[in-house]
Protein backbone atom coordinates (compact mmCIF):
# COMPACT_ATOMS: atom_id res chain seq x y z
CA MET A 1 -52.89 -10.55 -8.86
CA ALA A 2 -51.87 -13.27 -6.38
CA SER A 3 -49.75 -15.05 -8.99
CA GLN A 4 -47.90 -11.81 -9.75
CA ILE A 5 -47.14 -11.36 -6.05
CA ASP A 6 -46.03 -15.01 -5.86
CA GLN A 7 -43.61 -14.47 -8.75
CA MET A 8 -42.20 -11.30 -7.18
CA ARG A 9 -41.80 -13.10 -3.85
CA LYS A 10 -40.01 -16.04 -5.46
CA GLY A 11 -37.60 -13.66 -7.17
CA THR A 12 -36.66 -11.98 -3.91
CA THR A 13 -36.66 -14.93 -1.52
CA THR A 14 -32.89 -15.42 -1.48
CA VAL A 15 -32.11 -11.80 -0.73
CA ALA A 16 -34.89 -11.69 1.89
CA ILE A 17 -33.43 -14.71 3.71
CA LEU A 18 -29.88 -13.34 3.57
CA LYS A 19 -30.99 -9.93 4.85
CA LEU A 20 -33.04 -11.49 7.64
CA LEU A 21 -30.09 -13.55 8.87
CA VAL A 22 -27.80 -10.51 8.83
CA ASP A 23 -30.33 -8.33 10.64
CA GLU A 24 -31.19 -10.95 13.26
CA GLY A 25 -27.52 -11.70 13.95
CA GLU A 26 -28.19 -15.22 15.14
CA PRO A 27 -28.67 -18.66 13.57
CA LEU A 28 -32.28 -19.47 12.71
CA HIS A 29 -34.03 -22.70 11.75
CA GLY A 30 -36.30 -22.96 8.73
CA TYR A 31 -39.63 -22.53 10.49
CA GLU A 32 -38.33 -19.49 12.37
CA ILE A 33 -37.13 -17.99 9.09
CA ILE A 34 -40.61 -18.45 7.61
CA ARG A 35 -42.27 -16.94 10.69
CA ARG A 36 -39.99 -13.91 10.79
CA LEU A 37 -40.26 -13.29 7.04
CA ASP A 38 -44.05 -13.40 7.36
CA THR A 39 -43.87 -10.90 10.23
CA ARG A 40 -41.57 -8.58 8.28
CA GLY A 41 -43.82 -8.78 5.24
CA GLN A 42 -46.89 -8.12 7.42
CA GLY A 43 -48.51 -11.22 5.94
CA TYR A 44 -48.48 -9.77 2.42
CA PHE A 45 -46.09 -12.29 0.87
CA ARG A 46 -46.96 -15.48 2.81
CA PHE A 47 -43.74 -17.46 2.59
CA LYS A 48 -44.52 -21.17 2.58
CA GLU A 49 -42.48 -24.22 3.52
CA GLY A 50 -42.55 -25.48 -0.07
CA LEU A 51 -40.69 -22.34 -1.15
CA ILE A 52 -38.38 -21.74 1.81
CA TYR A 53 -36.98 -25.19 2.60
CA PRO A 54 -35.81 -25.97 -0.96
CA ARG A 55 -34.36 -22.47 -1.17
CA LEU A 56 -32.46 -22.93 2.11
CA HIS A 57 -31.00 -26.20 0.85
CA ARG A 58 -30.00 -24.60 -2.44
CA MET A 59 -28.42 -21.63 -0.67
CA GLU A 60 -26.47 -24.02 1.53
CA GLN A 61 -25.26 -25.95 -1.55
CA ASP A 62 -24.24 -22.64 -3.15
CA GLY A 63 -22.21 -21.70 -0.08
CA LEU A 64 -24.40 -18.73 0.88
CA LEU A 65 -25.53 -20.36 4.12
CA GLU A 66 -24.04 -22.80 6.56
CA GLY A 67 -26.42 -25.29 8.13
CA ARG A 68 -25.72 -27.05 11.43
CA TRP A 69 -27.93 -29.61 13.13
CA VAL A 70 -28.65 -28.94 16.80
CA GLY A 71 -30.29 -31.18 19.36
CA GLU A 72 -29.47 -34.56 20.77
CA PRO A 73 -29.78 -37.66 18.59
CA GLY A 74 -33.14 -39.31 19.17
CA THR A 75 -34.80 -35.97 19.93
CA ARG A 76 -36.30 -33.39 17.64
CA ARG A 77 -33.34 -31.85 15.85
CA ARG A 78 -33.34 -28.61 13.91
CA LYS A 79 -31.03 -27.33 11.26
CA MET A 80 -29.83 -23.86 12.15
CA TYR A 81 -28.70 -21.58 9.34
CA THR A 82 -26.14 -18.81 9.41
CA ILE A 83 -24.97 -16.60 6.58
CA THR A 84 -21.47 -17.22 5.23
CA GLU A 85 -19.01 -14.61 3.99
CA LYS A 86 -19.98 -15.58 0.44
CA GLY A 87 -23.60 -14.99 1.44
CA ARG A 88 -22.74 -11.55 2.81
CA GLN A 89 -21.04 -10.63 -0.46
CA GLN A 90 -24.02 -11.93 -2.45
CA LEU A 91 -26.35 -9.87 -0.26
CA LYS A 92 -24.41 -6.71 -1.08
CA VAL A 93 -24.65 -7.46 -4.80
CA GLU A 94 -28.36 -8.28 -4.62
CA VAL A 95 -29.25 -5.20 -2.56
CA GLU A 96 -27.41 -2.97 -5.03
CA ARG A 97 -29.22 -4.64 -7.94
CA TRP A 98 -32.54 -4.12 -6.16
CA ARG A 99 -31.80 -0.44 -5.51
CA THR A 100 -30.85 0.13 -9.14
CA PHE A 101 -33.91 -1.74 -10.41
CA SER A 102 -36.23 0.10 -8.02
CA GLU A 103 -34.79 3.49 -8.94
CA GLN A 104 -35.12 2.75 -12.64
CA ILE A 105 -38.73 1.59 -12.28
CA ASP A 106 -39.53 4.72 -10.26
CA HIS A 107 -37.94 6.82 -12.98
CA LEU A 108 -39.78 4.94 -15.73
CA LEU A 109 -43.11 5.46 -13.97
CA GLY A 110 -42.38 9.06 -13.01
CA LEU A 111 -42.42 8.24 -9.31
CA GLU A 112 -38.96 9.45 -8.30
CA ALA A 113 -38.80 11.88 -5.38
CA ALA A 114 -38.71 15.55 -6.27
């Protein structure tokens, strides 16, 4: 069961990060993103550094996020991430896909609201 949850989590990580950044309305660093995703997921999904950091880098390369280093040189610096306009557009697409998928699964399983 855990591996099924892991696969579902991996498939939704990008949209979860994008939605978190939109909802929070402020730049966040990687560890804070992990912490807040864990809180939102009530510990069910357990986002780990090995999943989140590579995904953040990939999202930045794809233009969905903008990363900016903060902190003085020689001190502990953190990369703060904000969502880009391209990321906002991707979020809209992904949320619509999720809604359609969810509705179709509910219909398939006979779970749609009466």
